[in-house]
PDB file of all heavy atoms in Angstrom:
ATOM      1  N   TYR A   1      88.571 108.824  86.706  1.00  0.00           N
ATOM      2  CA  TYR A   1      88.565 109.605  87.920  1.00  0.00           C
ATOM      3  C   TYR A   1      89.878 109.624  88.697  1.00  0.00           C
ATOM      4  O   TYR A   1      90.327 110.623  89.238  1.00  0.00           O
ATOM      5  CB  TYR A   1      87.342 109.215  88.813  1.00  0.00           C
ATOM      6  CG  TYR A   1      86.001 109.420  88.230  1.00  0.00           C
ATOM      7  CD1 TYR A   1      84.865 108.678  88.477  1.00  0.00           C
ATOM      8  CD2 TYR A   1      85.774 110.494  87.160  1.00  0.00           C
ATOM      9  CE1 TYR A   1      83.648 108.897  87.866  1.00  0.00           C
ATOM     10  CE2 TYR A   1      84.538 110.736  86.700  1.00  0.00           C
ATOM     11  CZ  TYR A   1      83.580 109.954  86.998  1.00  0.00           C
ATOM     12  OH  TYR A   1      82.316 110.150  86.419  1.00  0.00           O
ATOM     13  N   GLN A   2      90.582 108.451  88.732  1.00  0.00           N
ATOM     14  CA  GLN A   2      91.732 108.262  89.456  1.00  0.00           C
ATOM     15  C   GLN A   2      92.747 109.197  88.606  1.00  0.00           C
ATOM     16  O   GLN A   2      93.610 109.918  89.350  1.00  0.00           O
ATOM     17  CB  GLN A   2      92.185 106.905  89.459  1.00  0.00           C
ATOM     18  CG  GLN A   2      93.410 106.727  90.411  1.00  0.00           C
ATOM     19  CD  GLN A   2      93.873 105.303  90.563  1.00  0.00           C
ATOM     20  OE1 GLN A   2      93.787 104.546  89.616  1.00  0.00           O
ATOM     21  NE2 GLN A   2      94.073 104.993  91.752  1.00  0.00           N
ATOM     22  N   ALA A   3      92.669 109.346  87.465  1.00  0.00           N
ATOM     23  CA  ALA A   3      93.620 110.191  86.660  1.00  0.00           C
ATOM     24  C   ALA A   3      93.399 111.684  87.012  1.00  0.00           C
ATOM     25  O   ALA A   3      94.379 112.409  87.286  1.00  0.00           O
ATOM     26  CB  ALA A   3      93.451 110.150  85.073  1.00  0.00           C
ATOM     27  N   LYS A   4      92.162 112.068  87.322  1.00  0.00           N
ATOM     28  CA  LYS A   4      91.964 113.497  87.730  1.00  0.00           C
ATOM     29  C   LYS A   4      92.648 113.680  89.126  1.00  0.00           C
ATOM     30  O   LYS A   4      93.227 114.784  89.298  1.00  0.00           O
ATOM     31  CB  LYS A   4      90.429 113.655  87.781  1.00  0.00           C
ATOM     32  CG  LYS A   4      89.765 113.722  86.514  1.00  0.00           C
ATOM     33  CD  LYS A   4      88.369 113.908  86.596  1.00  0.00           C
ATOM     34  CE  LYS A   4      87.600 113.749  85.266  1.00  0.00           C
ATOM     35  NZ  LYS A   4      87.530 115.002  84.592  1.00  0.00           N
ATOM     36  N   VAL A   5      92.601 112.748  90.036  1.00  0.00           N
ATOM     37  CA  VAL A   5      93.170 112.855  91.286  1.00  0.00           C
ATOM     38  C   VAL A   5      94.691 112.896  91.096  1.00  0.00           C
ATOM     39  O   VAL A   5      95.384 113.697  91.726  1.00  0.00           O
ATOM     40  CB  VAL A   5      92.847 111.733  92.246  1.00  0.00           C
ATOM     41  CG1 VAL A   5      93.685 111.683  93.610  1.00  0.00           C
ATOM     42  CG2 VAL A   5      91.271 111.822  92.467  1.00  0.00           C
ATOM     43  N   CYS A   6      95.210 111.993  90.169  1.00  0.00           N
ATOM     44  CA  CYS A   6      96.594 111.904  90.046  1.00  0.00           C
ATOM     45  C   CYS A   6      97.240 113.179  89.319  1.00  0.00           C
ATOM     46  O   CYS A   6      98.336 113.746  89.612  1.00  0.00           O
ATOM     47  CB  CYS A   6      97.067 110.800  89.177  1.00  0.00           C
ATOM     48  SG  CYS A   6      96.831 109.230  90.129  1.00  0.00           S
ATOM     49  N   VAL A   7      96.345 113.756  88.354  1.00  0.00           N
ATOM     50  CA  VAL A   7      96.932 115.047  87.707  1.00  0.00           C
ATOM     51  C   VAL A   7      96.953 116.225  88.758  1.00  0.00           C
ATOM     52  O   VAL A   7      97.889 116.987  88.824  1.00  0.00           O
ATOM     53  CB  VAL A   7      95.967 115.462  86.638  1.00  0.00           C
ATOM     54  CG1 VAL A   7      96.095 116.828  86.107  1.00  0.00           C
ATOM     55  CG2 VAL A   7      96.139 114.405  85.462  1.00  0.00           C
ATOM     56  N   SER A   8      95.925 116.238  89.715  1.00  0.00           N
ATOM     57  CA  SER A   8      96.066 117.178  90.740  1.00  0.00           C
ATOM     58  C   SER A   8      97.217 116.944  91.682  1.00  0.00           C
ATOM     59  O   SER A   8      97.767 117.922  92.121  1.00  0.00           O
ATOM     60  CB  SER A   8      94.659 117.102  91.599  1.00  0.00           C
ATOM     61  OG  SER A   8      93.518 117.593  90.841  1.00  0.00           O
ATOM     62  N   GLY A   9      97.371 115.677  91.819  1.00  0.00           N
ATOM     63  CA  GLY A   9      98.568 115.329  92.727  1.00  0.00           C
ATOM     64  C   GLY A   9      99.889 115.757  92.037  1.00  0.00           C
ATOM     65  O   GLY A   9     100.796 116.216  92.831  1.00  0.00           O
ATOM     66  N   VAL A  10     100.028 115.644  90.766  1.00  0.00           N
ATOM     67  CA  VAL A  10     101.289 116.040  90.105  1.00  0.00           C
ATOM     68  C   VAL A  10     101.410 117.648  90.259  1.00  0.00           C
ATOM     69  O   VAL A  10     102.467 118.063  90.493  1.00  0.00           O
ATOM     70  CB  VAL A  10     101.231 115.634  88.589  1.00  0.00           C
ATOM     71  CG1 VAL A  10     102.305 116.355  87.747  1.00  0.00           C
ATOM     72  CG2 VAL A  10     101.318 114.148  88.463  1.00  0.00           C
ATOM     73  N   ASN A  11     100.290 118.268  90.080  1.00  0.00           N
ATOM     74  CA  ASN A  11     100.336 119.733  90.314  1.00  0.00           C
ATOM     75  C   ASN A  11     100.700 120.204  91.634  1.00  0.00           C
ATOM     76  O   ASN A  11     101.621 121.078  91.808  1.00  0.00           O
ATOM     77  CB  ASN A  11      98.995 120.406  89.893  1.00  0.00           C
ATOM     78  CG  ASN A  11      98.687 120.169  88.427  1.00  0.00           C
ATOM     79  OD1 ASN A  11      99.503 120.169  87.611  1.00  0.00           O
ATOM     80  ND2 ASN A  11      97.330 120.167  88.052  1.00  0.00           N
ATOM     81  N   LEU A  12     100.237 119.321  92.577  1.00  0.00           N
ATOM     82  CA  LEU A  12     100.684 119.549  94.047  1.00  0.00           C
ATOM     83  C   LEU A  12     102.102 119.300  94.321  1.00  0.00           C
ATOM     84  O   LEU A  12     102.739 120.106  94.912  1.00  0.00           O
ATOM     85  CB  LEU A  12      99.805 118.755  94.976  1.00  0.00           C
ATOM     86  CG  LEU A  12     100.121 118.763  96.538  1.00  0.00           C
ATOM     87  CD1 LEU A  12      99.926 120.236  97.059  1.00  0.00           C
ATOM     88  CD2 LEU A  12      99.373 117.823  97.301  1.00  0.00           C
ATOM     89  N   LEU A  13     102.609 118.197  93.639  1.00  0.00           N
ATOM     90  CA  LEU A  13     104.144 117.970  93.850  1.00  0.00           C
ATOM     91  C   LEU A  13     104.911 118.967  93.256  1.00  0.00           C
ATOM     92  O   LEU A  13     106.122 119.130  93.744  1.00  0.00           O
ATOM     93  CB  LEU A  13     104.416 116.523  93.139  1.00  0.00           C
ATOM     94  CG  LEU A  13     103.814 115.356  93.732  1.00  0.00           C
ATOM     95  CD1 LEU A  13     104.195 114.069  93.113  1.00  0.00           C
ATOM     96  CD2 LEU A  13     104.392 115.207  95.252  1.00  0.00           C
ATOM     97  N   SER A  14     104.517 119.754  92.263  1.00  0.00           N
ATOM     98  CA  SER A  14     105.249 120.863  91.790  1.00  0.00           C
ATOM     99  C   SER A  14     105.526 121.998  92.787  1.00  0.00           C
ATOM    100  O   SER A  14     106.549 122.604  92.686  1.00  0.00           O
ATOM    101  CB  SER A  14     104.647 121.410  90.504  1.00  0.00           C
ATOM    102  OG  SER A  14     103.458 122.140  90.738  1.00  0.00           O
ATOM    103  N   LYS A  15     104.602 122.023  93.792  1.00  0.00           N
ATOM    104  CA  LYS A  15     104.799 123.077  94.674  1.00  0.00           C
ATOM    105  C   LYS A  15     105.187 122.464  96.136  1.00  0.00           C
ATOM    106  O   LYS A  15     105.938 123.180  96.876  1.00  0.00           O
ATOM    107  CB  LYS A  15     103.471 123.709  95.045  1.00  0.00           C
ATOM    108  CG  LYS A  15     103.018 124.589  93.784  1.00  0.00           C
ATOM    109  CD  LYS A  15     101.590 125.139  93.931  1.00  0.00           C
ATOM    110  CE  LYS A  15     101.127 126.057  92.889  1.00  0.00           C
ATOM    111  NZ  LYS A  15     101.090 125.401  91.488  1.00  0.00           N
ATOM    112  N   ARG A  16     104.784 121.175  96.345  1.00  0.00           N
ATOM    113  CA  ARG A  16     105.225 120.623  97.664  1.00  0.00           C
ATOM    114  C   ARG A  16     105.558 119.087  97.323  1.00  0.00           C
ATOM    115  O   ARG A  16     104.868 118.123  97.443  1.00  0.00           O
ATOM    116  CB  ARG A  16     104.008 120.542  98.595  1.00  0.00           C
ATOM    117  CG  ARG A  16     103.579 121.960  98.897  1.00  0.00           C
ATOM    118  CD  ARG A  16     102.620 121.870 100.115  1.00  0.00           C
ATOM    119  NE  ARG A  16     102.332 123.166 100.427  1.00  0.00           N
ATOM    120  CZ  ARG A  16     100.967 123.514 100.740  1.00  0.00           C
ATOM    121  NH1 ARG A  16     100.016 122.747 100.894  1.00  0.00           N
ATOM    122  NH2 ARG A  16     100.849 124.849 101.050  1.00  0.00           N
ATOM    123  N   PRO A  17     106.913 118.834  97.052  1.00  0.00           N
ATOM    124  CA  PRO A  17     107.308 117.654  96.634  1.00  0.00           C
ATOM    125  C   PRO A  17     107.335 116.535  97.833  1.00  0.00           C
ATOM    126  O   PRO A  17     107.192 115.427  97.490  1.00  0.00           O
ATOM    127  CB  PRO A  17     108.977 117.952  96.297  1.00  0.00           C
ATOM    128  CG  PRO A  17     109.014 119.287  95.975  1.00  0.00           C
ATOM    129  CD  PRO A  17     107.932 120.030  96.759  1.00  0.00           C
ATOM    130  N   GLY A  18     107.157 117.102  98.948  1.00  0.00           N
ATOM    131  CA  GLY A  18     107.010 116.077 100.114  1.00  0.00           C
ATOM    132  C   GLY A  18     105.679 115.509 100.376  1.00  0.00           C
ATOM    133  O   GLY A  18     105.527 114.670 101.204  1.00  0.00           O
ATOM    134  N   ALA A  19     104.679 115.973  99.584  1.00  0.00           N
ATOM    135  CA  ALA A  19     103.272 115.487  99.766  1.00  0.00           C
ATOM    136  C   ALA A  19     102.970 114.284  98.948  1.00  0.00           C
ATOM    137  O   ALA A  19     101.812 113.924  98.941  1.00  0.00           O
ATOM    138  CB  ALA A  19     102.392 116.717  99.383  1.00  0.00           C
ATOM    139  N   VAL A  20     103.963 113.585  98.470  1.00  0.00           N
ATOM    140  CA  VAL A  20     103.612 112.264  97.680  1.00  0.00           C
ATOM    141  C   VAL A  20     102.774 111.328  98.429  1.00  0.00           C
ATOM    142  O   VAL A  20     102.015 110.678  97.734  1.00  0.00           O
ATOM    143  CB  VAL A  20     104.935 111.753  97.062  1.00  0.00           C
ATOM    144  CG1 VAL A  20     105.852 111.120  98.221  1.00  0.00           C
ATOM    145  CG2 VAL A  20     104.644 110.799  95.937  1.00  0.00           C
ATOM    146  N   GLY A  21     103.082 111.180  99.675  1.00  0.00           N
ATOM    147  CA  GLY A  21     102.237 110.107 100.397  1.00  0.00           C
ATOM    148  C   GLY A  21     100.790 110.535 100.476  1.00  0.00           C
ATOM    149  O   GLY A  21      99.907 109.630 100.258  1.00  0.00           O
ATOM    150  N   LYS A  22     100.454 111.757 100.638  1.00  0.00           N
ATOM    151  CA  LYS A  22      99.075 112.245 100.612  1.00  0.00           C
ATOM    152  C   LYS A  22      98.454 112.057  99.267  1.00  0.00           C
ATOM    153  O   LYS A  22      97.340 111.698  99.192  1.00  0.00           O
ATOM    154  CB  LYS A  22      99.105 113.630 101.097  1.00  0.00           C
ATOM    155  CG  LYS A  22      99.495 113.866 102.568  1.00  0.00           C
ATOM    156  CD  LYS A  22      99.482 115.272 102.910  1.00  0.00           C
ATOM    157  CE  LYS A  22     100.072 115.423 104.285  1.00  0.00           C
ATOM    158  NZ  LYS A  22     100.269 116.777 104.775  1.00  0.00           N
ATOM    159  N   VAL A  23      99.252 112.312  98.183  1.00  0.00           N
ATOM    160  CA  VAL A  23      98.716 112.361  96.902  1.00  0.00           C
ATOM    161  C   VAL A  23      98.363 110.742  96.508  1.00  0.00           C
ATOM    162  O   VAL A  23      97.327 110.492  96.014  1.00  0.00           O
ATOM    163  CB  VAL A  23      99.650 112.807  95.857  1.00  0.00           C
ATOM    164  CG1 VAL A  23      99.374 112.510  94.492  1.00  0.00           C
ATOM    165  CG2 VAL A  23      99.851 114.307  96.099  1.00  0.00           C
ATOM    166  N   ILE A  24      99.269 109.947  96.937  1.00  0.00           N
ATOM    167  CA  ILE A  24      99.113 108.457  96.715  1.00  0.00           C
ATOM    168  C   ILE A  24      97.849 107.878  97.431  1.00  0.00           C
ATOM    169  O   ILE A  24      97.052 107.166  96.873  1.00  0.00           O
ATOM    170  CB  ILE A  24     100.373 107.708  96.961  1.00  0.00           C
ATOM    171  CG1 ILE A  24     101.412 107.974  95.951  1.00  0.00           C
ATOM    172  CG2 ILE A  24     100.127 106.202  96.992  1.00  0.00           C
ATOM    173  CD1 ILE A  24     102.799 107.394  96.204  1.00  0.00           C
ATOM    174  N   THR A  25      97.879 108.310  98.651  1.00  0.00           N
ATOM    175  CA  THR A  25      96.623 107.971  99.447  1.00  0.00           C
ATOM    176  C   THR A  25      95.288 108.326  98.726  1.00  0.00           C
ATOM    177  O   THR A  25      94.314 107.610  98.749  1.00  0.00           O
ATOM    178  CB  THR A  25      96.737 108.524 100.886  1.00  0.00           C
ATOM    179  OG1 THR A  25      98.049 107.996 101.396  1.00  0.00           O
ATOM    180  CG2 THR A  25      95.569 108.064 101.770  1.00  0.00           C
ATOM    181  N   SER A  26      95.334 109.602  98.329  1.00  0.00           N
ATOM    182  CA  SER A  26      94.002 110.105  97.704  1.00  0.00           C
ATOM    183  C   SER A  26      93.705 109.336  96.483  1.00  0.00           C
ATOM    184  O   SER A  26      92.590 108.890  96.178  1.00  0.00           O
ATOM    185  CB  SER A  26      94.300 111.524  97.346  1.00  0.00           C
ATOM    186  OG  SER A  26      94.311 112.386  98.444  1.00  0.00           O
ATOM    187  N   ALA A  27      94.752 108.998  95.628  1.00  0.00           N
ATOM    188  CA  ALA A  27      94.556 108.250  94.356  1.00  0.00           C
ATOM    189  C   ALA A  27      94.116 106.841  94.714  1.00  0.00           C
ATOM    190  O   ALA A  27      93.271 106.209  94.068  1.00  0.00           O
ATOM    191  CB  ALA A  27      95.839 108.253  93.600  1.00  0.00           C
ATOM    192  N   ALA A  28      94.690 106.258  95.849  1.00  0.00           N
ATOM    193  CA  ALA A  28      94.344 104.882  96.268  1.00  0.00           C
ATOM    194  C   ALA A  28      92.926 104.727  96.601  1.00  0.00           C
ATOM    195  O   ALA A  28      92.251 103.636  96.552  1.00  0.00           O
ATOM    196  CB  ALA A  28      95.257 104.357  97.337  1.00  0.00           C
ATOM    197  N   LEU A  29      92.271 105.789  97.301  1.00  0.00           N
ATOM    198  CA  LEU A  29      90.914 105.751  97.555  1.00  0.00           C
ATOM    199  C   LEU A  29      90.017 105.406  96.356  1.00  0.00           C
ATOM    200  O   LEU A  29      89.056 104.836  96.438  1.00  0.00           O
ATOM    201  CB  LEU A  29      90.498 106.959  98.312  1.00  0.00           C
ATOM    202  CG  LEU A  29      91.080 107.085  99.740  1.00  0.00           C
ATOM    203  CD1 LEU A  29      90.788 108.542 100.185  1.00  0.00           C
ATOM    204  CD2 LEU A  29      90.618 106.078 100.672  1.00  0.00           C
ATOM    205  N   VAL A  30      90.396 106.037  95.089  1.00  0.00           N
ATOM    206  CA  VAL A  30      89.643 105.931  93.971  1.00  0.00           C
ATOM    207  C   VAL A  30      89.806 104.357  93.471  1.00  0.00           C
ATOM    208  O   VAL A  30      88.852 103.782  93.022  1.00  0.00           O
ATOM    209  CB  VAL A  30      90.018 106.833  92.904  1.00  0.00           C
ATOM    210  CG1 VAL A  30      89.136 106.633  91.613  1.00  0.00           C
ATOM    211  CG2 VAL A  30      89.868 108.315  93.422  1.00  0.00           C
ATOM    212  N   GLU A  31      91.033 103.965  93.618  1.00  0.00           N
ATOM    213  CA  GLU A  31      91.314 102.618  93.285  1.00  0.00           C
ATOM    214  C   GLU A  31      90.521 101.509  94.052  1.00  0.00           C
ATOM    215  O   GLU A  31      90.163 100.474  93.445  1.00  0.00           O
ATOM    216  CB  GLU A  31      92.899 102.337  93.451  1.00  0.00           C
ATOM    217  CG  GLU A  31      93.291 100.994  93.200  1.00  0.00           C
ATOM    218  CD  GLU A  31      93.843 100.820  91.799  1.00  0.00           C
ATOM    219  OE1 GLU A  31      94.064 101.899  91.164  1.00  0.00           O
ATOM    220  OE2 GLU A  31      93.982  99.805  91.277  1.00  0.00           O
ATOM    221  N   THR A  32      90.149 101.986  95.255  1.00  0.00           N
ATOM    222  CA  THR A  32      89.398 100.948  96.095  1.00  0.00           C
ATOM    223  C   THR A  32      88.002 100.571  95.250  1.00  0.00           C
ATOM    224  O   THR A  32      87.694  99.292  95.382  1.00  0.00           O
ATOM    225  CB  THR A  32      89.045 101.631  97.318  1.00  0.00           C
ATOM    226  OG1 THR A  32      90.152 102.086  98.054  1.00  0.00           O
ATOM    227  CG2 THR A  32      88.194 100.695  98.222  1.00  0.00           C
ATOM    228  N   TYR A  33      87.419 101.344  94.649  1.00  0.00           N
ATOM    229  CA  TYR A  33      86.144 100.972  93.950  1.00  0.00           C
ATOM    230  C   TYR A  33      86.415 100.172  92.741  1.00  0.00           C
ATOM    231  O   TYR A  33      85.587  99.260  92.437  1.00  0.00           O
ATOM    232  CB  TYR A  33      85.411 102.323  93.586  1.00  0.00           C
ATOM    233  CG  TYR A  33      84.936 102.897  94.887  1.00  0.00           C
ATOM    234  CD1 TYR A  33      85.639 103.930  95.552  1.00  0.00           C
ATOM    235  CD2 TYR A  33      83.766 102.390  95.514  1.00  0.00           C
ATOM    236  CE1 TYR A  33      85.396 104.462  96.787  1.00  0.00           C
ATOM    237  CE2 TYR A  33      83.444 102.874  96.833  1.00  0.00           C
ATOM    238  CZ  TYR A  33      84.393 103.943  97.401  1.00  0.00           C
ATOM    239  OH  TYR A  33      83.851 104.517  98.656  1.00  0.00           O
ATOM    240  N   ALA A  34      87.563 100.251  92.175  1.00  0.00           N
ATOM    241  CA  ALA A  34      88.017  99.373  91.134  1.00  0.00           C
ATOM    242  C   ALA A  34      88.177  97.927  91.673  1.00  0.00           C
ATOM    243  O   ALA A  34      87.815  96.826  90.996  1.00  0.00           O
ATOM    244  CB  ALA A  34      89.038  99.836  90.276  1.00  0.00           C
ATOM    245  N   ILE A  35      88.783  97.853  92.774  1.00  0.00           N
ATOM    246  CA  ILE A  35      89.003  96.539  93.383  1.00  0.00           C
ATOM    247  C   ILE A  35      87.646  95.908  93.792  1.00  0.00           C
ATOM    248  O   ILE A  35      87.526  94.725  93.575  1.00  0.00           O
ATOM    249  CB  ILE A  35      90.019  96.740  94.534  1.00  0.00           C
ATOM    250  CG1 ILE A  35      91.375  97.181  94.098  1.00  0.00           C
ATOM    251  CG2 ILE A  35      90.117  95.502  95.464  1.00  0.00           C
ATOM    252  CD1 ILE A  35      92.342  97.599  95.187  1.00  0.00           C
ATOM    253  N   PHE A  36      86.893  96.742  94.409  1.00  0.00           N
ATOM    254  CA  PHE A  36      85.504  96.226  94.632  1.00  0.00           C
ATOM    255  C   PHE A  36      84.811  95.683  93.420  1.00  0.00           C
ATOM    256  O   PHE A  36      84.233  94.505  93.467  1.00  0.00           O
ATOM    257  CB  PHE A  36      84.561  97.296  95.322  1.00  0.00           C
ATOM    258  CG  PHE A  36      84.993  97.792  96.646  1.00  0.00           C
ATOM    259  CD1 PHE A  36      84.485  98.934  97.130  1.00  0.00           C
ATOM    260  CD2 PHE A  36      85.845  96.968  97.428  1.00  0.00           C
ATOM    261  CE1 PHE A  36      84.975  99.430  98.380  1.00  0.00           C
ATOM    262  CE2 PHE A  36      86.273  97.430  98.803  1.00  0.00           C
ATOM    263  CZ  PHE A  36      85.763  98.678  99.237  1.00  0.00           C
ATOM    264  N   ALA A  37      84.753  96.303  92.394  1.00  0.00           N
ATOM    265  CA  ALA A  37      84.246  95.915  91.160  1.00  0.00           C
ATOM    266  C   ALA A  37      84.909  94.650  90.539  1.00  0.00           C
ATOM    267  O   ALA A  37      84.257  93.685  90.112  1.00  0.00           O
ATOM    268  CB  ALA A  37      84.285  96.985  90.054  1.00  0.00           C
ATOM    269  N   LEU A  38      86.198  94.645  90.676  1.00  0.00           N
ATOM    270  CA  LEU A  38      86.959  93.385  90.319  1.00  0.00           C
ATOM    271  C   LEU A  38      86.525  92.210  91.045  1.00  0.00           C
ATOM    272  O   LEU A  38      86.121  91.128  90.412  1.00  0.00           O
ATOM    273  CB  LEU A  38      88.464  93.585  90.477  1.00  0.00           C
ATOM    274  CG  LEU A  38      89.278  92.317  90.328  1.00  0.00           C
ATOM    275  CD1 LEU A  38      89.294  91.947  88.754  1.00  0.00           C
ATOM    276  CD2 LEU A  38      90.846  92.656  90.696  1.00  0.00           C
ATOM    277  N   LEU A  39      86.376  92.360  92.332  1.00  0.00           N
ATOM    278  CA  LEU A  39      85.823  91.219  93.281  1.00  0.00           C
ATOM    279  C   LEU A  39      84.416  90.830  92.822  1.00  0.00           C
ATOM    280  O   LEU A  39      84.075  89.584  92.780  1.00  0.00           O
ATOM    281  CB  LEU A  39      85.918  91.584  94.701  1.00  0.00           C
ATOM    282  CG  LEU A  39      87.385  91.704  95.244  1.00  0.00           C
ATOM    283  CD1 LEU A  39      87.202  92.277  96.635  1.00  0.00           C
ATOM    284  CD2 LEU A  39      88.079  90.463  95.356  1.00  0.00           C
ATOM    285  N   ILE A  40      83.556  91.817  92.586  1.00  0.00           N
ATOM    286  CA  ILE A  40      82.231  91.431  92.190  1.00  0.00           C
ATOM    287  C   ILE A  40      82.139  90.675  90.940  1.00  0.00           C
ATOM    288  O   ILE A  40      81.259  89.995  90.662  1.00  0.00           O
ATOM    289  CB  ILE A  40      81.332  92.624  92.205  1.00  0.00           C
ATOM    290  CG1 ILE A  40      81.214  93.261  93.679  1.00  0.00           C
ATOM    291  CG2 ILE A  40      79.918  92.417  91.748  1.00  0.00           C
ATOM    292  CD1 ILE A  40      80.635  92.175  94.739  1.00  0.00           C
TER     293      ILE A  40
END
């Protein structure tokens, strides 16, 4: 699922290169659940 967000982010960067922070934040939200699972 994080890949889906990152692929969309890559597509966004092709049109708006300055949006990298927003893209990384969106991808990091998916990462949060992997970190929760790692802790559990």
